[in-house]
Amino acid sequence: MLVRAHRADDSLGKAVAKIVRAELVVIDDVGLLPVGADAAEGLYRIVEAAYERKSVAISSNLHPSGFDELMPKTLATATVDRLLHHAHLCQTSGDSVRLAQALHGKGVKPLT
């Protein structure tokens, strides 16, 4: 949406600059839903703008090597290259904590 909304009036650079003013940019659930060209470009532009200037945290069910399933390979390579340079990569495994809690009746409130 970021790219599409700001492409018409050529204000994309300003919008990205506003996002990366934050000390930490958090992008959650990358790859959870299919993305179009605009979303792929938006991710790259934010990562590029923050590269070596700001901290970026990304969560994804995809390993970074699988980002080319989300976007064109050249864009994925450039994005992942910037993300992983100086990065701390935290990989987790195991079952979903939320699913396990729900199956054991924890954290569930009955509807009234």
PDB file of N, CA and C in Angstrom:
ATOM      1  N   MET A   1       0.832  -1.189   0.000  1.00  0.00           N
ATOM      2  CA  MET A   1       0.000   0.000   0.000  1.00  0.00           C
ATOM      3  C   MET A   1       0.875   1.252   0.000  1.00  0.00           C
ATOM      4  N   LEU A   2       1.978   1.196   0.712  1.00  0.00           N
ATOM      5  CA  LEU A   2       2.874   2.339   0.794  1.00  0.00           C
ATOM      6  C   LEU A   2       3.304   2.789  -0.595  1.00  0.00           C
ATOM      7  N   VAL A   3       3.779   1.855  -1.391  1.00  0.00           N
ATOM      8  CA  VAL A   3       4.281   2.193  -2.722  1.00  0.00           C
ATOM      9  C   VAL A   3       3.152   2.704  -3.600  1.00  0.00           C
ATOM     10  N   ARG A   4       2.051   1.995  -3.607  1.00  0.00           N
ATOM     11  CA  ARG A   4       0.927   2.369  -4.460  1.00  0.00           C
ATOM     12  C   ARG A   4       0.378   3.745  -4.094  1.00  0.00           C
ATOM     13  N   ALA A   5       0.247   4.012  -2.808  1.00  0.00           N
ATOM     14  CA  ALA A   5      -0.335   5.277  -2.358  1.00  0.00           C
ATOM     15  C   ALA A   5       0.556   6.478  -2.668  1.00  0.00           C
ATOM     16  N   HIS A   6       1.857   6.276  -2.670  1.00  0.00           N
ATOM     17  CA  HIS A   6       2.768   7.406  -2.847  1.00  0.00           C
ATOM     18  C   HIS A   6       3.398   7.484  -4.229  1.00  0.00           C
ATOM     19  N   ARG A   7       3.119   6.521  -5.072  1.00  0.00           N
ATOM     20  CA  ARG A   7       3.687   6.556  -6.418  1.00  0.00           C
ATOM     21  C   ARG A   7       3.039   7.664  -7.244  1.00  0.00           C
ATOM     22  N   ALA A   8       1.741   7.852  -7.073  1.00  0.00           N
ATOM     23  CA  ALA A   8       1.009   8.816  -7.894  1.00  0.00           C
ATOM     24  C   ALA A   8       1.549  10.232  -7.745  1.00  0.00           C
ATOM     25  N   ASP A   9       1.882  10.629  -6.540  1.00  0.00           N
ATOM     26  CA  ASP A   9       2.361  12.007  -6.338  1.00  0.00           C
ATOM     27  C   ASP A   9       3.868  12.070  -6.105  1.00  0.00           C
ATOM     28  N   ASP A  10       4.574  10.970  -6.379  1.00  0.00           N
ATOM     29  CA  ASP A  10       6.025  10.916  -6.287  1.00  0.00           C
ATOM     30  C   ASP A  10       6.548  11.249  -4.889  1.00  0.00           C
ATOM     31  N   SER A  11       5.807  10.854  -3.856  1.00  0.00           N
ATOM     32  CA  SER A  11       6.230  11.132  -2.483  1.00  0.00           C
ATOM     33  C   SER A  11       6.714   9.876  -1.757  1.00  0.00           C
ATOM     34  N   LEU A  12       7.027   8.821  -2.496  1.00  0.00           N
ATOM     35  CA  LEU A  12       7.454   7.561  -1.880  1.00  0.00           C
ATOM     36  C   LEU A  12       8.713   7.746  -1.040  1.00  0.00           C
ATOM     37  N   GLY A  13       9.665   8.487  -1.542  1.00  0.00           N
ATOM     38  CA  GLY A  13      10.902   8.719  -0.791  1.00  0.00           C
ATOM     39  C   GLY A  13      10.639   9.372   0.552  1.00  0.00           C
ATOM     40  N   LYS A  14       9.725  10.318   0.575  1.00  0.00           N
ATOM     41  CA  LYS A  14       9.382  10.995   1.832  1.00  0.00           C
ATOM     42  C   LYS A  14       8.693  10.035   2.798  1.00  0.00           C
ATOM     43  N   ALA A  15       7.819   9.183   2.270  1.00  0.00           N
ATOM     44  CA  ALA A  15       7.105   8.222   3.122  1.00  0.00           C
ATOM     45  C   ALA A  15       8.076   7.211   3.725  1.00  0.00           C
ATOM     46  N   VAL A  16       9.011   6.725   2.931  1.00  0.00           N
ATOM     47  CA  VAL A  16      10.004   5.764   3.426  1.00  0.00           C
ATOM     48  C   VAL A  16      10.902   6.442   4.457  1.00  0.00           C
ATOM     49  N   ALA A  17      11.309   7.669   4.186  1.00  0.00           N
ATOM     50  CA  ALA A  17      12.152   8.406   5.135  1.00  0.00           C
ATOM     51  C   ALA A  17      11.444   8.590   6.473  1.00  0.00           C
ATOM     52  N   LYS A  18      10.150   8.816   6.433  1.00  0.00           N
ATOM     53  CA  LYS A  18       9.374   8.971   7.669  1.00  0.00           C
ATOM     54  C   LYS A  18       9.377   7.673   8.474  1.00  0.00           C
ATOM     55  N   ILE A  19       9.249   6.539   7.801  1.00  0.00           N
ATOM     56  CA  ILE A  19       9.252   5.236   8.476  1.00  0.00           C
ATOM     57  C   ILE A  19      10.601   4.978   9.138  1.00  0.00           C
ATOM     58  N   VAL A  20      11.674   5.257   8.429  1.00  0.00           N
ATOM     59  CA  VAL A  20      12.994   4.919   8.963  1.00  0.00           C
ATOM     60  C   VAL A  20      13.547   5.985   9.918  1.00  0.00           C
ATOM     61  N   ARG A  21      12.729   6.951  10.281  1.00  0.00           N
ATOM     62  CA  ARG A  21      13.126   7.874  11.357  1.00  0.00           C
ATOM     63  C   ARG A  21      13.153   7.157  12.697  1.00  0.00           C
ATOM     64  N   ALA A  22      12.368   6.097  12.807  1.00  0.00           N
ATOM     65  CA  ALA A  22      12.329   5.317  14.043  1.00  0.00           C
ATOM     66  C   ALA A  22      13.680   4.640  14.252  1.00  0.00           C
ATOM     67  N   GLU A  23      14.046   4.436  15.509  1.00  0.00           N
ATOM     68  CA  GLU A  23      15.298   3.743  15.812  1.00  0.00           C
ATOM     69  C   GLU A  23      15.233   2.270  15.415  1.00  0.00           C
ATOM     70  N   LEU A  24      14.046   1.701  15.498  1.00  0.00           N
ATOM     71  CA  LEU A  24      13.837   0.297  15.156  1.00  0.00           C
ATOM     72  C   LEU A  24      12.617   0.183  14.262  1.00  0.00           C
ATOM     73  N   VAL A  25      12.799  -0.421  13.100  1.00  0.00           N
ATOM     74  CA  VAL A  25      11.698  -0.688  12.172  1.00  0.00           C
ATOM     75  C   VAL A  25      11.388  -2.178  12.281  1.00  0.00           C
ATOM     76  N   VAL A  26      10.150  -2.512  12.631  1.00  0.00           N
ATOM     77  CA  VAL A  26       9.746  -3.906  12.784  1.00  0.00           C
ATOM     78  C   VAL A  26       8.775  -4.257  11.667  1.00  0.00           C
ATOM     79  N   ILE A  27       9.101  -5.306  10.931  1.00  0.00           N
ATOM     80  CA  ILE A  27       8.251  -5.796   9.851  1.00  0.00           C
ATOM     81  C   ILE A  27       7.904  -7.234  10.203  1.00  0.00           C
ATOM     82  N   ASP A  28       6.636  -7.473  10.473  1.00  0.00           N
ATOM     83  CA  ASP A  28       6.190  -8.745  11.020  1.00  0.00           C
ATOM     84  C   ASP A  28       5.538  -9.623   9.958  1.00  0.00           C
ATOM     85  N   ASP A  29       5.760 -10.917  10.052  1.00  0.00           N
ATOM     86  CA  ASP A  29       5.103 -11.929   9.227  1.00  0.00           C
ATOM     87  C   ASP A  29       5.348 -11.789   7.733  1.00  0.00           C
ATOM     88  N   VAL A  30       6.578 -11.526   7.338  1.00  0.00           N
ATOM     89  CA  VAL A  30       6.918 -11.466   5.918  1.00  0.00           C
ATOM     90  C   VAL A  30       6.704 -12.846   5.312  1.00  0.00           C
ATOM     91  N   GLY A  31       5.958 -12.894   4.245  1.00  0.00           N
ATOM     92  CA  GLY A  31       5.715 -14.147   3.550  1.00  0.00           C
ATOM     93  C   GLY A  31       4.497 -14.902   4.025  1.00  0.00           C
ATOM     94  N   LEU A  32       3.800 -14.361   5.023  1.00  0.00           N
ATOM     95  CA  LEU A  32       2.607 -15.037   5.518  1.00  0.00           C
ATOM     96  C   LEU A  32       1.506 -15.038   4.458  1.00  0.00           C
ATOM     97  N   LEU A  33       1.389 -13.916   3.765  1.00  0.00           N
ATOM     98  CA  LEU A  33       0.409 -13.783   2.686  1.00  0.00           C
ATOM     99  C   LEU A  33       1.143 -13.508   1.384  1.00  0.00           C
ATOM    100  N   PRO A  34       0.527 -13.853   0.260  1.00  0.00           N
ATOM    101  CA  PRO A  34       1.169 -13.533  -1.020  1.00  0.00           C
ATOM    102  C   PRO A  34       1.332 -12.012  -1.160  1.00  0.00           C
ATOM    103  N   VAL A  35       2.411 -11.597  -1.794  1.00  0.00           N
ATOM    104  CA  VAL A  35       2.650 -10.173  -1.980  1.00  0.00           C
ATOM    105  C   VAL A  35       2.739  -9.838  -3.458  1.00  0.00           C
ATOM    106  N   GLY A  36       2.336  -8.649  -3.789  1.00  0.00           N
ATOM    107  CA  GLY A  36       2.449  -8.165  -5.154  1.00  0.00           C
ATOM    108  C   GLY A  36       3.746  -7.409  -5.347  1.00  0.00           C
ATOM    109  N   ALA A  37       3.920  -6.895  -6.548  1.00  0.00           N
ATOM    110  CA  ALA A  37       5.138  -6.164  -6.885  1.00  0.00           C
ATOM    111  C   ALA A  37       5.308  -4.925  -6.020  1.00  0.00           C
ATOM    112  N   ASP A  38       4.212  -4.231  -5.713  1.00  0.00           N
ATOM    113  CA  ASP A  38       4.302  -3.029  -4.888  1.00  0.00           C
ATOM    114  C   ASP A  38       4.798  -3.345  -3.477  1.00  0.00           C
ATOM    115  N   ALA A  39       4.303  -4.439  -2.898  1.00  0.00           N
ATOM    116  CA  ALA A  39       4.724  -4.823  -1.545  1.00  0.00           C
ATOM    117  C   ALA A  39       6.197  -5.227  -1.534  1.00  0.00           C
ATOM    118  N   ALA A  40       6.624  -5.955  -2.550  1.00  0.00           N
ATOM    119  CA  ALA A  40       8.030  -6.355  -2.644  1.00  0.00           C
ATOM    120  C   ALA A  40       8.921  -5.127  -2.775  1.00  0.00           C
ATOM    121  N   GLU A  41       8.501  -4.187  -3.605  1.00  0.00           N
ATOM    122  CA  GLU A  41       9.275  -2.965  -3.767  1.00  0.00           C
ATOM    123  C   GLU A  41       9.302  -2.161  -2.469  1.00  0.00           C
ATOM    124  N   GLY A  42       8.174  -2.097  -1.775  1.00  0.00           N
ATOM    125  CA  GLY A  42       8.110  -1.379  -0.508  1.00  0.00           C
ATOM    126  C   GLY A  42       9.053  -1.960   0.527  1.00  0.00           C
ATOM    127  N   LEU A  43       9.094  -3.293   0.635  1.00  0.00           N
ATOM    128  CA  LEU A  43      10.015  -3.943   1.567  1.00  0.00           C
ATOM    129  C   LEU A  43      11.452  -3.592   1.226  1.00  0.00           C
ATOM    130  N   TYR A  44      11.794  -3.704  -0.047  1.00  0.00           N
ATOM    131  CA  TYR A  44      13.160  -3.378  -0.457  1.00  0.00           C
ATOM    132  C   TYR A  44      13.498  -1.920  -0.148  1.00  0.00           C
ATOM    133  N   ARG A  45      12.609  -1.015  -0.470  1.00  0.00           N
ATOM    134  CA  ARG A  45      12.893   0.419  -0.264  1.00  0.00           C
ATOM    135  C   ARG A  45      13.097   0.745   1.220  1.00  0.00           C
ATOM    136  N   ILE A  46      12.315   0.124   2.084  1.00  0.00           N
ATOM    137  CA  ILE A  46      12.477   0.365   3.523  1.00  0.00           C
ATOM    138  C   ILE A  46      13.799  -0.215   4.014  1.00  0.00           C
ATOM    139  N   VAL A  47      14.102  -1.441   3.597  1.00  0.00           N
ATOM    140  CA  VAL A  47      15.363  -2.076   4.000  1.00  0.00           C
ATOM    141  C   VAL A  47      16.547  -1.272   3.470  1.00  0.00           C
ATOM    142  N   GLU A  48      16.464  -0.834   2.241  1.00  0.00           N
ATOM    143  CA  GLU A  48      17.550  -0.045   1.640  1.00  0.00           C
ATOM    144  C   GLU A  48      17.741   1.279   2.377  1.00  0.00           C
ATOM    145  N   ALA A  49      16.659   1.951   2.712  1.00  0.00           N
ATOM    146  CA  ALA A  49      16.749   3.239   3.405  1.00  0.00           C
ATOM    147  C   ALA A  49      17.316   3.086   4.815  1.00  0.00           C
ATOM    148  N   ALA A  50      17.021   1.967   5.452  1.00  0.00           N
ATOM    149  CA  ALA A  50      17.486   1.741   6.824  1.00  0.00           C
ATOM    150  C   ALA A  50      18.887   1.134   6.865  1.00  0.00           C
ATOM    151  N   TYR A  51      19.338   0.589   5.767  1.00  0.00           N
ATOM    152  CA  TYR A  51      20.601  -0.154   5.716  1.00  0.00           C
ATOM    153  C   TYR A  51      21.761   0.648   6.304  1.00  0.00           C
ATOM    154  N   GLU A  52      22.402   0.066   7.292  1.00  0.00           N
ATOM    155  CA  GLU A  52      23.547   0.615   8.009  1.00  0.00           C
ATOM    156  C   GLU A  52      23.270   1.931   8.733  1.00  0.00           C
ATOM    157  N   ARG A  53      21.981   2.304   8.850  1.00  0.00           N
ATOM    158  CA  ARG A  53      21.623   3.522   9.568  1.00  0.00           C
ATOM    159  C   ARG A  53      20.675   3.255  10.735  1.00  0.00           C
ATOM    160  N   LYS A  54      19.797   2.303  10.562  1.00  0.00           N
ATOM    161  CA  LYS A  54      18.770   1.997  11.554  1.00  0.00           C
ATOM    162  C   LYS A  54      18.696   0.491  11.755  1.00  0.00           C
ATOM    163  N   SER A  55      18.047   0.102  12.840  1.00  0.00           N
ATOM    164  CA  SER A  55      17.842  -1.321  13.107  1.00  0.00           C
ATOM    165  C   SER A  55      16.531  -1.771  12.474  1.00  0.00           C
ATOM    166  N   VAL A  56      16.571  -2.930  11.860  1.00  0.00           N
ATOM    167  CA  VAL A  56      15.388  -3.515  11.235  1.00  0.00           C
ATOM    168  C   VAL A  56      15.213  -4.918  11.804  1.00  0.00           C
ATOM    169  N   ALA A  57      14.017  -5.214  12.286  1.00  0.00           N
ATOM    170  CA  ALA A  57      13.689  -6.560  12.761  1.00  0.00           C
ATOM    171  C   ALA A  57      12.587  -7.103  11.866  1.00  0.00           C
ATOM    172  N   ILE A  58      12.815  -8.280  11.346  1.00  0.00           N
ATOM    173  CA  ILE A  58      11.833  -8.910  10.460  1.00  0.00           C
ATOM    174  C   ILE A  58      11.510 -10.285  11.014  1.00  0.00           C
ATOM    175  N   SER A  59      10.210 -10.587  11.066  1.00  0.00           N
ATOM    176  CA  SER A  59       9.814 -11.947  11.424  1.00  0.00           C
ATOM    177  C   SER A  59       9.193 -12.588  10.191  1.00  0.00           C
ATOM    178  N   SER A  60       9.466 -13.869  10.027  1.00  0.00           N
ATOM    179  CA  SER A  60       8.957 -14.578   8.859  1.00  0.00           C
ATOM    180  C   SER A  60       8.992 -16.077   9.121  1.00  0.00           C
ATOM    181  N   ASN A  61       8.066 -16.768   8.531  1.00  0.00           N
ATOM    182  CA  ASN A  61       8.118 -18.228   8.547  1.00  0.00           C
ATOM    183  C   ASN A  61       9.050 -18.744   7.462  1.00  0.00           C
ATOM    184  N   LEU A  62       9.493 -17.849   6.590  1.00  0.00           N
ATOM    185  CA  LEU A  62      10.415 -18.216   5.522  1.00  0.00           C
ATOM    186  C   LEU A  62      11.847 -17.938   5.946  1.00  0.00           C
ATOM    187  N   HIS A  63      12.739 -18.825   5.584  1.00  0.00           N
ATOM    188  CA  HIS A  63      14.166 -18.557   5.733  1.00  0.00           C
ATOM    189  C   HIS A  63      14.505 -17.468   4.711  1.00  0.00           C
ATOM    190  N   PRO A  64      15.457 -16.600   5.005  1.00  0.00           N
ATOM    191  CA  PRO A  64      15.792 -15.548   4.039  1.00  0.00           C
ATOM    192  C   PRO A  64      16.118 -16.074   2.634  1.00  0.00           C
ATOM    193  N   SER A  65      16.628 -17.286   2.536  1.00  0.00           N
ATOM    194  CA  SER A  65      16.923 -17.846   1.211  1.00  0.00           C
ATOM    195  C   SER A  65      15.655 -18.102   0.404  1.00  0.00           C
ATOM    196  N   GLY A  66      14.496 -18.089   1.069  1.00  0.00           N
ATOM    197  CA  GLY A  66      13.236 -18.307   0.379  1.00  0.00           C
ATOM    198  C   GLY A  66      12.516 -17.026  -0.027  1.00  0.00           C
ATOM    199  N   PHE A  67      13.137 -15.871   0.210  1.00  0.00           N
ATOM    200  CA  PHE A  67      12.487 -14.605  -0.132  1.00  0.00           C
ATOM    201  C   PHE A  67      12.265 -14.454  -1.640  1.00  0.00           C
ATOM    202  N   ASP A  68      13.018 -15.229  -2.445  1.00  0.00           N
ATOM    203  CA  ASP A  68      12.780 -15.151  -3.887  1.00  0.00           C
ATOM    204  C   ASP A  68      11.456 -15.813  -4.289  1.00  0.00           C
ATOM    205  N   GLU A  69      10.771 -16.445  -3.333  1.00  0.00           N
ATOM    206  CA  GLU A  69       9.415 -16.928  -3.587  1.00  0.00           C
ATOM    207  C   GLU A  69       8.416 -15.776  -3.475  1.00  0.00           C
ATOM    208  N   LEU A  70       8.817 -14.697  -2.802  1.00  0.00           N
ATOM    209  CA  LEU A  70       7.945 -13.550  -2.576  1.00  0.00           C
ATOM    210  C   LEU A  70       8.105 -12.459  -3.613  1.00  0.00           C
ATOM    211  N   MET A  71       9.292 -12.335  -4.138  1.00  0.00           N
ATOM    212  CA  MET A  71       9.601 -11.208  -5.014  1.00  0.00           C
ATOM    213  C   MET A  71      10.586 -11.670  -6.077  1.00  0.00           C
ATOM    214  N   PRO A  72      10.777 -10.866  -7.111  1.00  0.00           N
ATOM    215  CA  PRO A  72      11.749 -11.250  -8.139  1.00  0.00           C
ATOM    216  C   PRO A  72      13.119 -11.519  -7.515  1.00  0.00           C
ATOM    217  N   LYS A  73      13.826 -12.464  -8.083  1.00  0.00           N
ATOM    218  CA  LYS A  73      15.091 -12.922  -7.508  1.00  0.00           C
ATOM    219  C   LYS A  73      16.096 -11.789  -7.299  1.00  0.00           C
ATOM    220  N   THR A  74      16.220 -10.880  -8.247  1.00  0.00           N
ATOM    221  CA  THR A  74      17.201  -9.796  -8.086  1.00  0.00           C
ATOM    222  C   THR A  74      16.824  -8.890  -6.920  1.00  0.00           C
ATOM    223  N   LEU A  75      15.541  -8.616  -6.755  1.00  0.00           N
ATOM    224  CA  LEU A  75      15.078  -7.782  -5.641  1.00  0.00           C
ATOM    225  C   LEU A  75      15.245  -8.528  -4.323  1.00  0.00           C
ATOM    226  N   ALA A  76      14.944  -9.819  -4.323  1.00  0.00           N
ATOM    227  CA  ALA A  76      15.105 -10.630  -3.111  1.00  0.00           C
ATOM    228  C   ALA A  76      16.570 -10.695  -2.698  1.00  0.00           C
ATOM    229  N   THR A  77      17.455 -10.882  -3.661  1.00  0.00           N
ATOM    230  CA  THR A  77      18.882 -10.964  -3.363  1.00  0.00           C
ATOM    231  C   THR A  77      19.377  -9.658  -2.748  1.00  0.00           C
ATOM    232  N   ALA A  78      18.981  -8.539  -3.337  1.00  0.00           N
ATOM    233  CA  ALA A  78      19.406  -7.235  -2.817  1.00  0.00           C
ATOM    234  C   ALA A  78      18.845  -6.990  -1.415  1.00  0.00           C
ATOM    235  N   THR A  79      17.596  -7.354  -1.200  1.00  0.00           N
ATOM    236  CA  THR A  79      16.959  -7.151   0.107  1.00  0.00           C
ATOM    237  C   THR A  79      17.636  -8.000   1.173  1.00  0.00           C
ATOM    238  N   VAL A  80      17.796  -9.283   0.895  1.00  0.00           N
ATOM    239  CA  VAL A  80      18.402 -10.200   1.864  1.00  0.00           C
ATOM    240  C   VAL A  80      19.864  -9.842   2.109  1.00  0.00           C
ATOM    241  N   ASP A  81      20.568  -9.427   1.081  1.00  0.00           N
ATOM    242  CA  ASP A  81      21.964  -9.009   1.236  1.00  0.00           C
ATOM    243  C   ASP A  81      22.072  -7.892   2.268  1.00  0.00           C
ATOM    244  N   ARG A  82      21.213  -6.897   2.170  1.00  0.00           N
ATOM    245  CA  ARG A  82      21.235  -5.777   3.105  1.00  0.00           C
ATOM    246  C   ARG A  82      20.762  -6.191   4.497  1.00  0.00           C
ATOM    247  N   LEU A  83      19.760  -7.071   4.542  1.00  0.00           N
ATOM    248  CA  LEU A  83      19.251  -7.521   5.835  1.00  0.00           C
ATOM    249  C   LEU A  83      20.282  -8.333   6.617  1.00  0.00           C
ATOM    250  N   LEU A  84      21.004  -9.183   5.936  1.00  0.00           N
ATOM    251  CA  LEU A  84      21.905 -10.100   6.630  1.00  0.00           C
ATOM    252  C   LEU A  84      23.294  -9.528   6.900  1.00  0.00           C
ATOM    253  N   HIS A  85      23.642  -8.440   6.236  1.00  0.00           N
ATOM    254  CA  HIS A  85      24.933  -7.810   6.502  1.00  0.00           C
ATOM    255  C   HIS A  85      24.872  -7.164   7.884  1.00  0.00           C
ATOM    256  N   HIS A  86      25.728  -7.541   8.774  1.00  0.00           N
ATOM    257  CA  HIS A  86      25.753  -7.083  10.177  1.00  0.00           C
ATOM    258  C   HIS A  86      24.561  -7.612  10.984  1.00  0.00           C
ATOM    259  N   ALA A  87      23.913  -8.668  10.548  1.00  0.00           N
ATOM    260  CA  ALA A  87      22.670  -9.121  11.184  1.00  0.00           C
ATOM    261  C   ALA A  87      22.902 -10.111  12.313  1.00  0.00           C
ATOM    262  N   HIS A  88      21.911 -10.205  13.147  1.00  0.00           N
ATOM    263  CA  HIS A  88      21.793 -11.270  14.133  1.00  0.00           C
ATOM    264  C   HIS A  88      20.588 -12.084  13.686  1.00  0.00           C
ATOM    265  N   LEU A  89      20.807 -13.291  13.239  1.00  0.00           N
ATOM    266  CA  LEU A  89      19.734 -14.139  12.737  1.00  0.00           C
ATOM    267  C   LEU A  89      19.302 -15.092  13.842  1.00  0.00           C
ATOM    268  N   CYS A  90      18.046 -15.050  14.201  1.00  0.00           N
ATOM    269  CA  CYS A  90      17.495 -15.917  15.249  1.00  0.00           C
ATOM    270  C   CYS A  90      16.504 -16.870  14.609  1.00  0.00           C
ATOM    271  N   GLN A  91      16.869 -18.122  14.524  1.00  0.00           N
ATOM    272  CA  GLN A  91      15.976 -19.123  13.969  1.00  0.00           C
ATOM    273  C   GLN A  91      15.344 -19.895  15.114  1.00  0.00           C
ATOM    274  N   THR A  92      14.065 -20.086  15.011  1.00  0.00           N
ATOM    275  CA  THR A  92      13.347 -20.861  16.015  1.00  0.00           C
ATOM    276  C   THR A  92      12.744 -22.088  15.347  1.00  0.00           C
ATOM    277  N   SER A  93      12.391 -23.041  16.168  1.00  0.00           N
ATOM    278  CA  SER A  93      11.726 -24.230  15.642  1.00  0.00           C
ATOM    279  C   SER A  93      10.770 -24.735  16.710  1.00  0.00           C
ATOM    280  N   GLY A  94       9.936 -25.636  16.318  1.00  0.00           N
ATOM    281  CA  GLY A  94       9.002 -26.213  17.270  1.00  0.00           C
ATOM    282  C   GLY A  94       7.567 -25.863  16.930  1.00  0.00           C
ATOM    283  N   ASP A  95       6.699 -26.321  17.793  1.00  0.00           N
ATOM    284  CA  ASP A  95       5.276 -26.108  17.575  1.00  0.00           C
ATOM    285  C   ASP A  95       4.870 -24.702  17.982  1.00  0.00           C
ATOM    286  N   SER A  96       3.751 -24.279  17.467  1.00  0.00           N
ATOM    287  CA  SER A  96       3.201 -22.976  17.801  1.00  0.00           C
ATOM    288  C   SER A  96       2.794 -22.938  19.269  1.00  0.00           C
ATOM    289  N   VAL A  97       3.284 -21.940  19.989  1.00  0.00           N
ATOM    290  CA  VAL A  97       2.932 -21.783  21.403  1.00  0.00           C
ATOM    291  C   VAL A  97       1.439 -21.485  21.518  1.00  0.00           C
ATOM    292  N   ARG A  98       0.921 -20.629  20.647  1.00  0.00           N
ATOM    293  CA  ARG A  98      -0.512 -20.284  20.707  1.00  0.00           C
ATOM    294  C   ARG A  98      -1.400 -21.505  20.465  1.00  0.00           C
ATOM    295  N   LEU A  99      -1.016 -22.320  19.489  1.00  0.00           N
ATOM    296  CA  LEU A  99      -1.805 -23.522  19.211  1.00  0.00           C
ATOM    297  C   LEU A  99      -1.757 -24.484  20.386  1.00  0.00           C
ATOM    298  N   ALA A 100      -0.579 -24.689  20.956  1.00  0.00           N
ATOM    299  CA  ALA A 100      -0.449 -25.593  22.108  1.00  0.00           C
ATOM    300  C   ALA A 100      -1.291 -25.110  23.285  1.00  0.00           C
ATOM    301  N   GLN A 101      -1.270 -23.808  23.552  1.00  0.00           N
ATOM    302  CA  GLN A 101      -2.074 -23.262  24.649  1.00  0.00           C
ATOM    303  C   GLN A 101      -3.562 -23.448  24.375  1.00  0.00           C
ATOM    304  N   ALA A 102      -3.974 -23.201  23.158  1.00  0.00           N
ATOM    305  CA  ALA A 102      -5.391 -23.343  22.820  1.00  0.00           C
ATOM    306  C   ALA A 102      -5.847 -24.793  22.958  1.00  0.00           C
ATOM    307  N   LEU A 103      -5.011 -25.722  22.547  1.00  0.00           N
ATOM    308  CA  LEU A 103      -5.368 -27.136  22.638  1.00  0.00           C
ATOM    309  C   LEU A 103      -5.463 -27.612  24.081  1.00  0.00           C
ATOM    310  N   HIS A 104      -4.771 -26.927  24.992  1.00  0.00           N
ATOM    311  CA  HIS A 104      -4.821 -27.282  26.403  1.00  0.00           C
ATOM    312  C   HIS A 104      -5.753 -26.371  27.197  1.00  0.00           C
ATOM    313  N   GLY A 105      -6.536 -25.569  26.492  1.00  0.00           N
ATOM    314  CA  GLY A 105      -7.527 -24.717  27.161  1.00  0.00           C
ATOM    315  C   GLY A 105      -6.952 -23.523  27.876  1.00  0.00           C
ATOM    316  N   LYS A 106      -5.703 -23.206  27.647  1.00  0.00           N
ATOM    317  CA  LYS A 106      -5.080 -22.053  28.299  1.00  0.00           C
ATOM    318  C   LYS A 106      -5.251 -20.812  27.415  1.00  0.00           C
ATOM    319  N   GLY A 107      -5.519 -19.712  28.058  1.00  0.00           N
ATOM    320  CA  GLY A 107      -5.648 -18.472  27.313  1.00  0.00           C
ATOM    321  C   GLY A 107      -6.934 -18.368  26.519  1.00  0.00           C
ATOM    322  N   VAL A 108      -7.851 -19.299  26.753  1.00  0.00           N
ATOM    323  CA  VAL A 108      -9.103 -19.317  26.003  1.00  0.00           C
ATOM    324  C   VAL A 108     -10.220 -18.874  26.937  1.00  0.00           C
ATOM    325  N   LYS A 109     -11.003 -17.918  26.488  1.00  0.00           N
ATOM    326  CA  LYS A 109     -12.154 -17.467  27.275  1.00  0.00           C
ATOM    327  C   LYS A 109     -13.416 -17.826  26.494  1.00  0.00           C
ATOM    328  N   PRO A 110     -14.372 -18.426  27.163  1.00  0.00           N
ATOM    329  CA  PRO A 110     -15.607 -18.778  26.464  1.00  0.00           C
ATOM    330  C   PRO A 110     -16.367 -17.521  26.053  1.00  0.00           C
ATOM    331  N   LEU A 111     -17.032 -17.614  24.914  1.00  0.00           N
ATOM    332  CA  LEU A 111     -17.879 -16.518  24.457  1.00  0.00           C
ATOM    333  C   LEU A 111     -19.137 -16.473  25.297  1.00  0.00           C
ATOM    334  N   THR A 112     -19.559 -15.302  25.643  1.00  0.00           N
ATOM    335  CA  THR A 112     -20.802 -15.183  26.451  1.00  0.00           C
ATOM    336  C   THR A 112     -21.892 -14.507  25.673  1.00  0.00           C
TER     337      THR A 112
END
